Protein backbone atom coordinates (compact mmCIF):
# COMPACT_ATOMS: atom_id res chain seq x y z
CA MET A 1 -2.86 3.62 10.50
CA ASP A 2 -5.70 1.70 12.08
CA ARG A 3 -8.43 4.34 11.78
CA THR A 4 -11.18 4.10 9.17
CA ILE A 5 -11.70 7.20 7.01
CA ILE A 6 -15.27 8.07 6.09
CA GLN A 7 -16.45 10.54 3.46
CA PHE A 8 -19.69 12.51 3.18
CA SER A 9 -20.98 15.45 1.16
CA HIS A 10 -22.08 18.73 2.69
CA CYS A 11 -22.12 22.29 1.40
CA ASP A 12 -21.20 20.99 -2.08
CA ARG A 13 -17.93 19.65 -0.76
CA SER A 14 -16.55 16.23 0.08
CA ILE A 15 -15.61 16.06 3.74
CA TYR A 16 -13.46 13.34 5.27
CA CYS A 17 -13.07 12.34 8.90
CA PHE A 18 -12.44 9.25 11.01
CA SER A 19 -15.22 6.86 11.85
CA GLY A 20 -16.00 6.38 15.52
CA HIS A 21 -16.50 2.70 14.69
CA ASN A 22 -14.87 0.11 12.46
CA GLN A 23 -17.77 0.37 10.02
CA VAL A 24 -20.36 3.02 9.31
CA SER A 25 -23.99 1.92 9.19
CA PRO A 26 -26.33 3.79 6.83
CA THR A 27 -28.73 4.85 9.61
CA GLN A 28 -31.36 7.54 9.28
CA CYS A 29 -29.37 9.93 11.44
CA VAL A 30 -25.60 9.69 11.78
CA ASP A 31 -23.96 11.21 14.83
CA LEU A 32 -20.27 11.98 14.38
CA GLU A 33 -19.67 13.39 17.86
CA ALA A 34 -17.43 10.42 18.64
CA ASN A 35 -14.93 12.02 16.25
CA GLY A 36 -15.40 15.53 17.60
CA LEU A 37 -17.24 16.44 14.39
CA SER A 38 -20.91 16.97 15.23
CA HIS A 39 -21.21 20.06 13.00
CA CYS A 40 -20.19 20.72 9.42
CA PRO A 41 -16.76 22.41 9.39
CA VAL A 42 -17.94 24.60 6.46
CA CYS A 43 -21.42 25.86 7.42
CA LYS A 44 -21.30 24.91 11.13
CA GLU A 45 -24.75 23.32 10.94
CA PRO A 46 -25.42 20.02 12.81
CA LEU A 47 -24.54 16.99 10.73
CA LYS A 48 -27.55 14.76 10.11
CA PHE A 49 -28.05 12.60 7.07
CA SER A 50 -30.82 10.75 5.32
CA LEU A 51 -30.40 7.13 4.32
CA LEU A 52 -28.98 8.02 0.89
CA GLN A 53 -26.65 10.66 2.33
CA ALA A 54 -25.03 8.47 4.96
CA PRO A 55 -21.22 8.62 5.15
CA VAL A 56 -19.34 5.87 3.35
CA SER A 57 -16.03 4.32 4.35
CA VAL A 58 -12.99 4.94 2.15
CA PRO A 59 -11.14 1.73 1.19
CA CYS A 60 -7.69 1.59 2.74
CA PRO A 61 -5.04 1.16 0.01
CA PHE A 62 -2.64 -0.69 2.31
CA THR A 63 -2.52 -4.47 2.35
CA ASN A 64 -1.14 -7.16 4.59
CA GLY A 65 1.75 -8.37 2.49
CA HIS A 66 1.63 -11.76 4.19
CA HIS A 67 -1.90 -12.24 2.85
CA VAL A 68 -1.04 -11.44 -0.78
CA PRO A 69 0.77 -14.41 -2.34
CA CYS A 70 3.32 -14.14 -5.15
CA ALA A 71 3.50 -10.35 -5.07
CA PHE A 72 5.94 -7.46 -5.36
CA THR A 73 5.76 -5.85 -1.91
CA ILE A 74 6.70 -2.31 -0.89
CA GLY A 75 7.11 -1.31 2.73
CA SER A 76 8.73 1.34 4.89
CA ARG A 77 10.74 0.72 8.03
CA CYS A 78 9.15 3.88 9.42
CA GLY A 79 5.57 2.69 8.88
CA PRO A 80 2.85 3.18 6.24
CA LEU A 81 2.61 6.95 6.73
CA PHE A 82 6.05 7.16 5.08
CA LEU A 83 5.07 5.38 1.86
CA SER A 84 3.82 8.47 0.03
CA GLU A 85 5.59 9.99 -2.97
CA TRP A 86 6.31 13.15 -0.95
CA ASP A 87 8.32 11.37 1.72
CA ASN A 88 12.06 10.84 1.35
CA SER A 89 12.28 7.86 3.69
CA GLU A 90 13.94 4.81 2.20
CA LEU A 91 11.48 2.17 1.04
CA HIS A 92 12.07 -1.55 1.30
CA ILE A 93 11.07 -4.07 -1.36
CA GLY A 94 10.29 -7.76 -1.13
CA ILE A 95 8.75 -10.66 -3.03
CA SER A 96 6.20 -12.90 -1.33
CA ASN A 97 5.85 -16.61 -1.96
CA SER A 98 2.54 -18.44 -2.19
CA LYS A 99 2.35 -18.73 1.61
CA GLY A 100 2.92 -15.02 2.26
CA VAL A 101 6.55 -15.27 3.35
CA VAL A 102 8.28 -12.09 2.13
CA TYR A 103 11.78 -12.60 0.71
CA ASN A 104 13.83 -9.40 0.84
CA TYR A 105 17.47 -8.54 0.31
CA THR A 106 19.17 -6.83 3.26
CA LEU A 107 22.60 -6.11 4.70
CA LYS A 108 22.53 -9.63 6.18
CA GLY A 109 21.55 -11.29 2.92
CA VAL A 110 18.11 -12.53 1.92
CA ARG A 111 15.56 -12.54 4.74
CA ARG A 112 12.40 -14.63 4.79
CA ASP A 113 9.93 -12.60 6.83
CA GLN A 114 6.77 -14.15 8.19
CA SER A 115 5.79 -10.88 9.88
CA GLY A 116 6.56 -7.17 9.58
CA TRP A 117 4.80 -6.47 6.27
CA GLU A 118 1.28 -6.03 7.63
CA GLN A 119 0.79 -2.52 6.20
CA CYS A 120 2.39 -2.17 2.81
CA VAL A 121 1.78 -1.91 -0.94
CA SER A 122 1.32 -5.20 -2.77
CA VAL A 123 1.45 -5.80 -6.52
CA PRO A 124 0.10 -9.32 -7.22
CA LEU A 125 2.08 -10.98 -9.99
CA LEU A 126 0.32 -14.34 -10.40
CA HIS A 127 -3.32 -15.26 -10.73
CA PRO A 128 -4.22 -16.98 -7.42
CA ASP A 129 -5.92 -19.92 -9.16
CA VAL A 130 -2.90 -21.07 -11.17
CA ALA A 131 -1.63 -23.74 -8.77
CA ARG A 132 1.07 -25.03 -11.09
CA LEU A 133 2.73 -21.63 -11.36
CA ARG A 134 2.48 -21.02 -7.62
CA VAL A 135 4.44 -24.20 -6.88
CA ARG A 136 7.05 -23.27 -9.45
CA TRP A 137 7.16 -19.68 -8.10
CA ASP A 138 8.02 -20.95 -4.62
CA GLN A 139 10.68 -23.32 -5.89
CA GLU A 140 12.32 -20.72 -8.11
CA LEU A 141 12.18 -18.01 -5.44
CA GLU A 142 13.92 -20.19 -2.87
CA LYS A 143 16.56 -21.27 -5.40
CA PHE A 144 17.02 -17.68 -6.59
CA SER A 145 17.46 -16.35 -3.04
CA LEU A 146 20.34 -18.79 -2.42
CA SER A 147 22.39 -17.39 -5.32
CA ASP A 148 25.75 -15.85 -4.49
CA SER A 149 24.52 -12.70 -6.24
CA TRP A 150 22.50 -11.92 -3.12
CA ALA A 151 25.11 -12.70 -0.50
CA SER A 152 25.43 -10.22 2.36
CA GLU A 153 28.97 -9.35 1.22
CA ARG A 154 27.59 -7.89 -2.02
CA PHE A 155 24.91 -5.73 -0.44
CA HIS A 156 26.93 -2.49 -0.48
CA GLU A 157 28.06 -3.18 -4.04
CA GLU A 158 24.45 -3.59 -5.17
CA ARG A 159 23.39 -0.52 -3.21
CA GLU A 160 26.04 1.57 -4.93
CA PHE A 161 24.38 0.81 -8.25
CA GLY A 162 20.91 1.51 -6.89
CA SER A 163 19.84 -2.14 -7.08
CA CYS A 164 19.72 -3.57 -3.61
CA CYS A 165 16.29 -4.85 -2.54
CA TYR A 166 14.57 -3.48 -5.66
CA GLY A 167 17.15 -5.17 -7.84
CA PHE A 168 16.60 -8.47 -6.06
CA ALA A 169 12.84 -8.30 -6.60
CA LEU A 170 12.91 -7.11 -10.21
CA THR A 171 15.64 -9.56 -11.20
CA PHE A 172 13.51 -12.40 -9.86
CA ILE A 173 10.45 -11.13 -11.72
CA ASN A 174 12.44 -11.01 -14.96
CA HIS A 175 13.82 -14.48 -14.21
CA MET A 176 10.23 -15.77 -14.09
CA GLN A 177 9.28 -13.73 -17.15
CA ALA A 178 12.08 -15.32 -19.16
CA ALA A 179 11.16 -18.80 -17.92
CA GLU A 180 7.64 -18.25 -19.25
CA GLY A 181 8.93 -16.94 -22.57
CA ARG A 182 7.79 -13.40 -21.85
CA PRO A 183 9.76 -10.15 -22.37
CA THR A 184 11.70 -8.79 -19.44
CA LEU A 185 10.90 -5.42 -17.89
CA THR A 186 13.19 -2.48 -17.25
CA ARG A 187 13.05 -0.79 -13.88
CA ASP A 188 11.35 2.25 -15.44
CA GLU A 189 8.76 0.08 -17.17
CA PHE A 190 7.88 -1.87 -14.06
CA THR A 191 7.83 1.19 -11.83
CA GLY A 192 5.71 3.25 -14.20
CA THR A 193 3.20 0.50 -14.88
CA TYR A 194 2.83 -1.25 -11.53
CA VAL A 195 4.30 0.87 -8.75
CA LEU A 196 3.64 4.56 -9.38
CA PRO A 197 -0.16 4.28 -9.80
CA ARG A 198 -0.41 2.59 -6.41
CA ILE A 199 1.98 5.05 -4.75
CA ARG A 200 -0.08 7.98 -6.06
CA THR A 201 -3.25 6.49 -4.60
CA ILE A 202 -1.53 5.94 -1.28
CA SER A 203 -0.08 9.45 -1.33
CA LYS A 204 -3.58 10.93 -1.52
CA TYR A 205 -4.78 8.66 1.26
CA VAL A 206 -1.83 9.53 3.52
CA LYS A 207 -2.31 13.26 2.89
CA VAL A 208 -5.96 13.08 3.91
CA TYR A 209 -5.18 10.81 6.88
CA ILE A 210 -2.53 13.18 8.27
CA GLU A 211 -4.75 16.24 7.94
CA ILE A 212 -7.58 14.47 9.74
CA LEU A 213 -5.13 13.61 12.51
CA GLU A 214 -4.13 17.27 12.77
CA LYS A 215 -7.48 19.03 12.26
CA GLY A 216 -10.14 16.39 12.79
CA PHE A 217 -11.36 16.63 9.17
CA TYR A 218 -10.31 17.18 5.55
CA ILE A 219 -12.32 19.25 3.07
CA ALA A 220 -11.96 18.55 -0.65
CA ASP A 221 -12.97 21.10 -3.26
CA LYS A 222 -11.75 22.05 -6.73
CA SER A 223 -8.40 23.31 -5.43
CA ARG A 224 -7.95 20.43 -2.98
CA PRO A 225 -9.01 17.13 -4.56
CA GLY A 226 -10.16 14.17 -2.52
CA MET A 227 -9.34 10.53 -3.05
CA ARG A 228 -11.28 9.73 -6.19
C-alpha cells in the first residue's frame, strides 16, 4: 500500500483517488489525469480547483513498527490490506523495544524482528521522553521473552487457549503495569480501548483504497461515509 490517497469535494460529495505524486501541491489548477481521473465521476465535468479547493492528502493509518518504540504492534502475514475488521486472515502481534526490534511469539519461540513490520498498526505504550522507563522496558522485555512460558514447545498449548502472540504481548504489558503499581488489563479492556478504534480507522482506509484500485475513485455520500 504505497499509494497516497487524496480527497476533494465536488458535486456536494467527497471524492477519493490516488495522487499521481507523493504529495499534492495546492496549485491554482490541479490536473488529475495522471490517475485517469481528469473529470468528475459524478457530473463528468473537467476537474479544476481554486487554491482553497485543492485536493488534500489523506493520512495513512499504517506505521513502520520499527520506528515506534515500546509499542503494541499488530501486523498481518498477508500484508496491510488484510488488517481490516472485515478480513478473516490471522493477525500477528508483537511488542517493540526502544530500538524498534519487535518481539513476537511464534511456533519457534520468541522472535526478535528487525524488519518485516514496516506496515502495521502501532499502539505506543510509553512516552518517548521517559528515558528511565525505556531502559527498564528493554531489560524487562528481554528477560520476559526468555521465560519458559514462551518456549516453542508451548506454542500449540497457548494457541489452544487463544493466547499465543496476543497473550505474550498482553502478559508483558500487564507485567509492566504491575511493576509500576498500576491495575492490569483484561484482553477485552485492552482490545476495546486501544486496538478496536485503530482497526476501525484502518478498515475505512482499506475499504476506500481497494475501491480506488478497482474503479479509480471512491465517492462518499450519506449512505457511503468517507474516512472522517
